[in-house]
Amino acid sequence: MFPHPPATQESSPGTQPSPRMQHLYPVANKDEFKKLMKLGYVCYAQRDYQTALINFNRALQVLPDDACAVQAVDNTKMAIVGRRTK
């Protein structure tokens, strides 16, 4: 899902990346988050609420407690409930 830094003597499987490699992860996380949110919004606009919800939840896995993602999940759940009651 996320690009992994090249293996070095300082970084081996199952350990944290070396301090000089950690800067790669926040950028990858933000890019992945933006991609998932954008896809969620596209699906929402097409009224594909289930797929939108999946993508917003995945975005929350990347950046937990992000206010926009939390609101998007809540709005999408309400749209799903609203669709079922009509």
PDB file of N, CA and C in Angstrom:
ATOM      1  N   MET A   1       0.820  -1.190   0.000  1.00  0.00           N
ATOM      2  CA  MET A   1       0.000   0.000   0.000  1.00  0.00           C
ATOM      3  C   MET A   1       0.860   1.248   0.000  1.00  0.00           C
ATOM      4  N   PHE A   2       1.905   1.278   0.830  1.00  0.00           N
ATOM      5  CA  PHE A   2       2.798   2.421   0.877  1.00  0.00           C
ATOM      6  C   PHE A   2       4.153   2.004   0.360  1.00  0.00           C
ATOM      7  N   PRO A   3       4.843   2.928  -0.287  1.00  0.00           N
ATOM      8  CA  PRO A   3       6.183   2.563  -0.729  1.00  0.00           C
ATOM      9  C   PRO A   3       7.090   2.340   0.473  1.00  0.00           C
ATOM     10  N   HIS A   4       7.943   1.352   0.377  1.00  0.00           N
ATOM     11  CA  HIS A   4       8.867   1.058   1.460  1.00  0.00           C
ATOM     12  C   HIS A   4      10.237   1.586   1.090  1.00  0.00           C
ATOM     13  N   PRO A   5      10.956   2.118   2.073  1.00  0.00           N
ATOM     14  CA  PRO A   5      12.297   2.605   1.771  1.00  0.00           C
ATOM     15  C   PRO A   5      13.202   1.434   1.418  1.00  0.00           C
ATOM     16  N   PRO A   6      14.230   1.701   0.646  1.00  0.00           N
ATOM     17  CA  PRO A   6      15.156   0.608   0.323  1.00  0.00           C
ATOM     18  C   PRO A   6      15.813   0.089   1.587  1.00  0.00           C
ATOM     19  N   ALA A   7      16.089  -1.205   1.593  1.00  0.00           N
ATOM     20  CA  ALA A   7      16.713  -1.814   2.770  1.00  0.00           C
ATOM     21  C   ALA A   7      18.118  -1.251   2.948  1.00  0.00           C
ATOM     22  N   THR A   8      18.447  -0.922   4.190  1.00  0.00           N
ATOM     23  CA  THR A   8      19.777  -0.451   4.528  1.00  0.00           C
ATOM     24  C   THR A   8      20.240  -1.221   5.737  1.00  0.00           C
ATOM     25  N   GLN A   9      21.453  -1.002   6.128  1.00  0.00           N
ATOM     26  CA  GLN A   9      21.942  -1.657   7.328  1.00  0.00           C
ATOM     27  C   GLN A   9      21.179  -1.174   8.550  1.00  0.00           C
ATOM     28  N   GLU A  10      20.647   0.054   8.480  1.00  0.00           N
ATOM     29  CA  GLU A  10      19.935   0.628   9.617  1.00  0.00           C
ATOM     30  C   GLU A  10      18.477   0.187   9.657  1.00  0.00           C
ATOM     31  N   SER A  11      17.946  -0.339   8.583  1.00  0.00           N
ATOM     32  CA  SER A  11      16.531  -0.693   8.509  1.00  0.00           C
ATOM     33  C   SER A  11      16.403  -2.131   8.024  1.00  0.00           C
ATOM     34  N   SER A  12      15.810  -2.961   8.845  1.00  0.00           N
ATOM     35  CA  SER A  12      15.593  -4.342   8.451  1.00  0.00           C
ATOM     36  C   SER A  12      14.126  -4.673   8.648  1.00  0.00           C
ATOM     37  N   PRO A  13      13.625  -5.732   8.023  1.00  0.00           N
ATOM     38  CA  PRO A  13      12.203  -6.077   8.158  1.00  0.00           C
ATOM     39  C   PRO A  13      11.783  -6.196   9.622  1.00  0.00           C
ATOM     40  N   GLY A  14      10.626  -5.605   9.925  1.00  0.00           N
ATOM     41  CA  GLY A  14      10.085  -5.691  11.271  1.00  0.00           C
ATOM     42  C   GLY A  14      10.594  -4.616  12.218  1.00  0.00           C
ATOM     43  N   THR A  15      11.424  -3.699  11.726  1.00  0.00           N
ATOM     44  CA  THR A  15      11.908  -2.617  12.583  1.00  0.00           C
ATOM     45  C   THR A  15      11.479  -1.289  12.009  1.00  0.00           C
ATOM     46  N   GLN A  16      11.575  -0.261  12.807  1.00  0.00           N
ATOM     47  CA  GLN A  16      11.257   1.085  12.352  1.00  0.00           C
ATOM     48  C   GLN A  16      12.328   1.565  11.383  1.00  0.00           C
ATOM     49  N   PRO A  17      11.958   2.409  10.396  1.00  0.00           N
ATOM     50  CA  PRO A  17      12.965   2.936   9.497  1.00  0.00           C
ATOM     51  C   PRO A  17      13.933   3.834  10.261  1.00  0.00           C
ATOM     52  N   SER A  18      15.130   3.965   9.712  1.00  0.00           N
ATOM     53  CA  SER A  18      16.122   4.819  10.359  1.00  0.00           C
ATOM     54  C   SER A  18      15.609   6.255  10.384  1.00  0.00           C
ATOM     55  N   PRO A  19      16.083   7.086  11.310  1.00  0.00           N
ATOM     56  CA  PRO A  19      15.618   8.474  11.394  1.00  0.00           C
ATOM     57  C   PRO A  19      15.754   9.221  10.075  1.00  0.00           C
ATOM     58  N   ARG A  20      16.795   8.939   9.316  1.00  0.00           N
ATOM     59  CA  ARG A  20      16.948   9.664   8.052  1.00  0.00           C
ATOM     60  C   ARG A  20      15.945   9.199   6.996  1.00  0.00           C
ATOM     61  N   MET A  21      15.295   8.053   7.188  1.00  0.00           N
ATOM     62  CA  MET A  21      14.302   7.565   6.240  1.00  0.00           C
ATOM     63  C   MET A  21      12.874   7.898   6.666  1.00  0.00           C
ATOM     64  N   GLN A  22      12.663   8.286   7.902  1.00  0.00           N
ATOM     65  CA  GLN A  22      11.309   8.525   8.400  1.00  0.00           C
ATOM     66  C   GLN A  22      10.611   9.657   7.665  1.00  0.00           C
ATOM     67  N   HIS A  23      11.340  10.596   7.125  1.00  0.00           N
ATOM     68  CA  HIS A  23      10.706  11.699   6.418  1.00  0.00           C
ATOM     69  C   HIS A  23       9.914  11.234   5.200  1.00  0.00           C
ATOM     70  N   LEU A  24      10.183  10.051   4.679  1.00  0.00           N
ATOM     71  CA  LEU A  24       9.465   9.535   3.526  1.00  0.00           C
ATOM     72  C   LEU A  24       8.030   9.149   3.859  1.00  0.00           C
ATOM     73  N   TYR A  25       7.795   8.690   5.067  1.00  0.00           N
ATOM     74  CA  TYR A  25       6.488   8.166   5.421  1.00  0.00           C
ATOM     75  C   TYR A  25       5.400   9.231   5.539  1.00  0.00           C
ATOM     76  N   PRO A  26       5.644  10.377   6.183  1.00  0.00           N
ATOM     77  CA  PRO A  26       4.563  11.360   6.264  1.00  0.00           C
ATOM     78  C   PRO A  26       4.091  11.841   4.902  1.00  0.00           C
ATOM     79  N   VAL A  27       5.000  12.033   3.952  1.00  0.00           N
ATOM     80  CA  VAL A  27       4.605  12.471   2.615  1.00  0.00           C
ATOM     81  C   VAL A  27       3.774  11.391   1.939  1.00  0.00           C
ATOM     82  N   ALA A  28       4.215  10.149   2.036  1.00  0.00           N
ATOM     83  CA  ALA A  28       3.459   9.047   1.438  1.00  0.00           C
ATOM     84  C   ALA A  28       2.084   8.948   2.074  1.00  0.00           C
ATOM     85  N   ASN A  29       2.008   9.117   3.389  1.00  0.00           N
ATOM     86  CA  ASN A  29       0.719   9.062   4.076  1.00  0.00           C
ATOM     87  C   ASN A  29      -0.203  10.167   3.593  1.00  0.00           C
ATOM     88  N   LYS A  30       0.311  11.365   3.470  1.00  0.00           N
ATOM     89  CA  LYS A  30      -0.526  12.484   3.027  1.00  0.00           C
ATOM     90  C   LYS A  30      -0.993  12.286   1.598  1.00  0.00           C
ATOM     91  N   ASP A  31      -0.105  11.804   0.738  1.00  0.00           N
ATOM     92  CA  ASP A  31      -0.494  11.546  -0.649  1.00  0.00           C
ATOM     93  C   ASP A  31      -1.563  10.460  -0.729  1.00  0.00           C
ATOM     94  N   GLU A  32      -1.382   9.387   0.020  1.00  0.00           N
ATOM     95  CA  GLU A  32      -2.355   8.294   0.040  1.00  0.00           C
ATOM     96  C   GLU A  32      -3.695   8.790   0.597  1.00  0.00           C
ATOM     97  N   PHE A  33      -3.630   9.585   1.659  1.00  0.00           N
ATOM     98  CA  PHE A  33      -4.832  10.150   2.261  1.00  0.00           C
ATOM     99  C   PHE A  33      -5.594  10.995   1.244  1.00  0.00           C
ATOM    100  N   LYS A  34      -4.898  11.879   0.562  1.00  0.00           N
ATOM    101  CA  LYS A  34      -5.543  12.751  -0.429  1.00  0.00           C
ATOM    102  C   LYS A  34      -6.177  11.941  -1.549  1.00  0.00           C
ATOM    103  N   LYS A  35      -5.473  10.912  -2.000  1.00  0.00           N
ATOM    104  CA  LYS A  35      -5.995  10.053  -3.069  1.00  0.00           C
ATOM    105  C   LYS A  35      -7.284   9.367  -2.625  1.00  0.00           C
ATOM    106  N   LEU A  36      -7.279   8.820  -1.422  1.00  0.00           N
ATOM    107  CA  LEU A  36      -8.460   8.122  -0.910  1.00  0.00           C
ATOM    108  C   LEU A  36      -9.633   9.073  -0.693  1.00  0.00           C
ATOM    109  N   MET A  37      -9.353  10.263  -0.171  1.00  0.00           N
ATOM    110  CA  MET A  37     -10.428  11.235   0.038  1.00  0.00           C
ATOM    111  C   MET A  37     -11.023  11.677  -1.295  1.00  0.00           C
ATOM    112  N   LYS A  38     -10.163  11.950  -2.267  1.00  0.00           N
ATOM    113  CA  LYS A  38     -10.644  12.381  -3.583  1.00  0.00           C
ATOM    114  C   LYS A  38     -11.514  11.300  -4.207  1.00  0.00           C
ATOM    115  N   LEU A  39     -11.069  10.054  -4.128  1.00  0.00           N
ATOM    116  CA  LEU A  39     -11.855   8.945  -4.662  1.00  0.00           C
ATOM    117  C   LEU A  39     -13.192   8.822  -3.925  1.00  0.00           C
ATOM    118  N   GLY A  40     -13.157   9.008  -2.602  1.00  0.00           N
ATOM    119  CA  GLY A  40     -14.388   8.978  -1.824  1.00  0.00           C
ATOM    120  C   GLY A  40     -15.375  10.056  -2.263  1.00  0.00           C
ATOM    121  N   TYR A  41     -14.862  11.263  -2.503  1.00  0.00           N
ATOM    122  CA  TYR A  41     -15.733  12.358  -2.947  1.00  0.00           C
ATOM    123  C   TYR A  41     -16.321  12.089  -4.334  1.00  0.00           C
ATOM    124  N   VAL A  42     -15.526  11.506  -5.222  1.00  0.00           N
ATOM    125  CA  VAL A  42     -16.024  11.171  -6.559  1.00  0.00           C
ATOM    126  C   VAL A  42     -17.149  10.145  -6.446  1.00  0.00           C
ATOM    127  N   CYS A  43     -16.934   9.115  -5.643  1.00  0.00           N
ATOM    128  CA  CYS A  43     -17.957   8.081  -5.455  1.00  0.00           C
ATOM    129  C   CYS A  43     -19.214   8.665  -4.816  1.00  0.00           C
ATOM    130  N   TYR A  44     -19.026   9.541  -3.845  1.00  0.00           N
ATOM    131  CA  TYR A  44     -20.165  10.181  -3.178  1.00  0.00           C
ATOM    132  C   TYR A  44     -20.978  10.984  -4.193  1.00  0.00           C
ATOM    133  N   ALA A  45     -20.297  11.743  -5.036  1.00  0.00           N
ATOM    134  CA  ALA A  45     -20.988  12.561  -6.041  1.00  0.00           C
ATOM    135  C   ALA A  45     -21.774  11.700  -7.019  1.00  0.00           C
ATOM    136  N   GLN A  46     -21.299  10.475  -7.245  1.00  0.00           N
ATOM    137  CA  GLN A  46     -21.995   9.538  -8.131  1.00  0.00           C
ATOM    138  C   GLN A  46     -23.043   8.721  -7.375  1.00  0.00           C
ATOM    139  N   ARG A  47     -23.237   9.050  -6.110  1.00  0.00           N
ATOM    140  CA  ARG A  47     -24.192   8.367  -5.228  1.00  0.00           C
ATOM    141  C   ARG A  47     -23.838   6.904  -4.980  1.00  0.00           C
ATOM    142  N   ASP A  48     -22.558   6.603  -5.115  1.00  0.00           N
ATOM    143  CA  ASP A  48     -22.061   5.271  -4.776  1.00  0.00           C
ATOM    144  C   ASP A  48     -21.553   5.366  -3.335  1.00  0.00           C
ATOM    145  N   TYR A  49     -22.492   5.428  -2.414  1.00  0.00           N
ATOM    146  CA  TYR A  49     -22.169   5.720  -1.018  1.00  0.00           C
ATOM    147  C   TYR A  49     -21.359   4.612  -0.348  1.00  0.00           C
ATOM    148  N   GLN A  50     -21.613   3.369  -0.711  1.00  0.00           N
ATOM    149  CA  GLN A  50     -20.858   2.271  -0.093  1.00  0.00           C
ATOM    150  C   GLN A  50     -19.376   2.371  -0.438  1.00  0.00           C
ATOM    151  N   THR A  51     -19.071   2.619  -1.698  1.00  0.00           N
ATOM    152  CA  THR A  51     -17.669   2.745  -2.106  1.00  0.00           C
ATOM    153  C   THR A  51     -17.049   4.003  -1.521  1.00  0.00           C
ATOM    154  N   ALA A  52     -17.821   5.066  -1.456  1.00  0.00           N
ATOM    155  CA  ALA A  52     -17.325   6.301  -0.833  1.00  0.00           C
ATOM    156  C   ALA A  52     -16.960   6.039   0.619  1.00  0.00           C
ATOM    157  N   LEU A  53     -17.823   5.337   1.328  1.00  0.00           N
ATOM    158  CA  LEU A  53     -17.571   5.033   2.732  1.00  0.00           C
ATOM    159  C   LEU A  53     -16.305   4.190   2.904  1.00  0.00           C
ATOM    160  N   ILE A  54     -16.123   3.233   2.033  1.00  0.00           N
ATOM    161  CA  ILE A  54     -14.914   2.405   2.086  1.00  0.00           C
ATOM    162  C   ILE A  54     -13.669   3.282   1.954  1.00  0.00           C
ATOM    163  N   ASN A  55     -13.681   4.189   0.998  1.00  0.00           N
ATOM    164  CA  ASN A  55     -12.511   5.041   0.775  1.00  0.00           C
ATOM    165  C   ASN A  55     -12.296   6.037   1.906  1.00  0.00           C
ATOM    166  N   PHE A  56     -13.363   6.603   2.452  1.00  0.00           N
ATOM    167  CA  PHE A  56     -13.207   7.526   3.584  1.00  0.00           C
ATOM    168  C   PHE A  56     -12.668   6.780   4.806  1.00  0.00           C
ATOM    169  N   ASN A  57     -13.134   5.554   5.029  1.00  0.00           N
ATOM    170  CA  ASN A  57     -12.610   4.765   6.151  1.00  0.00           C
ATOM    171  C   ASN A  57     -11.146   4.402   5.945  1.00  0.00           C
ATOM    172  N   ARG A  58     -10.777   4.111   4.729  1.00  0.00           N
ATOM    173  CA  ARG A  58      -9.362   3.831   4.442  1.00  0.00           C
ATOM    174  C   ARG A  58      -8.510   5.078   4.688  1.00  0.00           C
ATOM    175  N   ALA A  59      -9.049   6.228   4.329  1.00  0.00           N
ATOM    176  CA  ALA A  59      -8.334   7.485   4.585  1.00  0.00           C
ATOM    177  C   ALA A  59      -8.131   7.677   6.088  1.00  0.00           C
ATOM    178  N   LEU A  60      -9.129   7.314   6.871  1.00  0.00           N
ATOM    179  CA  LEU A  60      -8.998   7.409   8.332  1.00  0.00           C
ATOM    180  C   LEU A  60      -7.963   6.444   8.875  1.00  0.00           C
ATOM    181  N   GLN A  61      -7.764   5.330   8.219  1.00  0.00           N
ATOM    182  CA  GLN A  61      -6.717   4.406   8.646  1.00  0.00           C
ATOM    183  C   GLN A  61      -5.336   5.015   8.407  1.00  0.00           C
ATOM    184  N   VAL A  62      -5.230   5.818   7.355  1.00  0.00           N
ATOM    185  CA  VAL A  62      -3.948   6.458   7.039  1.00  0.00           C
ATOM    186  C   VAL A  62      -3.683   7.618   7.993  1.00  0.00           C
ATOM    187  N   LEU A  63      -4.682   8.466   8.195  1.00  0.00           N
ATOM    188  CA  LEU A  63      -4.562   9.609   9.112  1.00  0.00           C
ATOM    189  C   LEU A  63      -5.731   9.575  10.098  1.00  0.00           C
ATOM    190  N   PRO A  64      -5.589   8.808  11.158  1.00  0.00           N
ATOM    191  CA  PRO A  64      -6.672   8.678  12.141  1.00  0.00           C
ATOM    192  C   PRO A  64      -7.060  10.033  12.732  1.00  0.00           C
ATOM    193  N   ASP A  65      -8.323  10.191  12.988  1.00  0.00           N
ATOM    194  CA  ASP A  65      -8.878  11.390  13.623  1.00  0.00           C
ATOM    195  C   ASP A  65      -8.820  12.642  12.763  1.00  0.00           C
ATOM    196  N   ASP A  66      -8.587  12.513  11.452  1.00  0.00           N
ATOM    197  CA  ASP A  66      -8.640  13.682  10.580  1.00  0.00           C
ATOM    198  C   ASP A  66     -10.081  14.181  10.535  1.00  0.00           C
ATOM    199  N   ALA A  67     -10.280  15.455  10.838  1.00  0.00           N
ATOM    200  CA  ALA A  67     -11.633  16.014  10.959  1.00  0.00           C
ATOM    201  C   ALA A  67     -12.419  15.913   9.654  1.00  0.00           C
ATOM    202  N   CYS A  68     -11.775  16.151   8.513  1.00  0.00           N
ATOM    203  CA  CYS A  68     -12.485  16.077   7.230  1.00  0.00           C
ATOM    204  C   CYS A  68     -12.923  14.652   6.928  1.00  0.00           C
ATOM    205  N   ALA A  69     -12.057  13.700   7.204  1.00  0.00           N
ATOM    206  CA  ALA A  69     -12.402  12.297   6.943  1.00  0.00           C
ATOM    207  C   ALA A  69     -13.510  11.831   7.879  1.00  0.00           C
ATOM    208  N   VAL A  70     -13.439  12.227   9.142  1.00  0.00           N
ATOM    209  CA  VAL A  70     -14.485  11.865  10.104  1.00  0.00           C
ATOM    210  C   VAL A  70     -15.836  12.427   9.638  1.00  0.00           C
ATOM    211  N   GLN A  71     -15.840  13.687   9.205  1.00  0.00           N
ATOM    212  CA  GLN A  71     -17.083  14.308   8.730  1.00  0.00           C
ATOM    213  C   GLN A  71     -17.583  13.621   7.463  1.00  0.00           C
ATOM    214  N   ALA A  72     -16.669  13.258   6.565  1.00  0.00           N
ATOM    215  CA  ALA A  72     -17.063  12.575   5.335  1.00  0.00           C
ATOM    216  C   ALA A  72     -17.705  11.218   5.649  1.00  0.00           C
ATOM    217  N   VAL A  73     -17.145  10.491   6.608  1.00  0.00           N
ATOM    218  CA  VAL A  73     -17.728   9.211   7.021  1.00  0.00           C
ATOM    219  C   VAL A  73     -19.126   9.436   7.583  1.00  0.00           C
ATOM    220  N   ASP A  74     -19.272  10.411   8.466  1.00  0.00           N
ATOM    221  CA  ASP A  74     -20.583  10.690   9.056  1.00  0.00           C
ATOM    222  C   ASP A  74     -21.604  11.074   7.989  1.00  0.00           C
ATOM    223  N   ASN A  75     -21.220  11.963   7.072  1.00  0.00           N
ATOM    224  CA  ASN A  75     -22.136  12.397   6.012  1.00  0.00           C
ATOM    225  C   ASN A  75     -22.533  11.230   5.114  1.00  0.00           C
ATOM    226  N   THR A  76     -21.576  10.368   4.815  1.00  0.00           N
ATOM    227  CA  THR A  76     -21.856   9.229   3.941  1.00  0.00           C
ATOM    228  C   THR A  76     -22.784   8.233   4.627  1.00  0.00           C
ATOM    229  N   LYS A  77     -22.563   8.005   5.916  1.00  0.00           N
ATOM    230  CA  LYS A  77     -23.466   7.116   6.661  1.00  0.00           C
ATOM    231  C   LYS A  77     -24.885   7.673   6.668  1.00  0.00           C
ATOM    232  N   MET A  78     -25.005   8.980   6.810  1.00  0.00           N
ATOM    233  CA  MET A  78     -26.346   9.604   6.794  1.00  0.00           C
ATOM    234  C   MET A  78     -26.979   9.464   5.415  1.00  0.00           C
ATOM    235  N   ALA A  79     -26.194   9.584   4.378  1.00  0.00           N
ATOM    236  CA  ALA A  79     -26.723   9.436   3.014  1.00  0.00           C
ATOM    237  C   ALA A  79     -27.199   8.001   2.792  1.00  0.00           C
ATOM    238  N   ILE A  80     -26.469   7.024   3.324  1.00  0.00           N
ATOM    239  CA  ILE A  80     -26.875   5.623   3.198  1.00  0.00           C
ATOM    240  C   ILE A  80     -28.181   5.383   3.929  1.00  0.00           C
ATOM    241  N   VAL A  81     -28.292   5.903   5.139  1.00  0.00           N
ATOM    242  CA  VAL A  81     -29.530   5.760   5.923  1.00  0.00           C
ATOM    243  C   VAL A  81     -30.684   6.455   5.219  1.00  0.00           C
ATOM    244  N   GLY A  82     -30.437   7.649   4.699  1.00  0.00           N
ATOM    245  CA  GLY A  82     -31.462   8.394   3.987  1.00  0.00           C
ATOM    246  C   GLY A  82     -31.945   7.680   2.742  1.00  0.00           C
ATOM    247  N   ARG A  83     -31.046   7.031   2.060  1.00  0.00           N
ATOM    248  CA  ARG A  83     -31.404   6.291   0.850  1.00  0.00           C
ATOM    249  C   ARG A  83     -32.282   5.096   1.199  1.00  0.00           C
ATOM    250  N   ARG A  84     -32.025   4.459   2.333  1.00  0.00           N
ATOM    251  CA  ARG A  84     -32.798   3.280   2.733  1.00  0.00           C
ATOM    252  C   ARG A  84     -34.195   3.645   3.215  1.00  0.00           C
ATOM    253  N   THR A  85     -34.373   4.851   3.729  1.00  0.00           N
ATOM    254  CA  THR A  85     -35.673   5.235   4.277  1.00  0.00           C
ATOM    255  C   THR A  85     -36.589   5.857   3.226  1.00  0.00           C
ATOM    256  N   LYS A  86     -36.064   6.100   2.039  1.00  0.00           N
ATOM    257  CA  LYS A  86     -36.909   6.716   0.998  1.00  0.00           C
ATOM    258  C   LYS A  86     -37.671   5.688   0.226  1.00  0.00           C
TER     259      LYS A  86
END
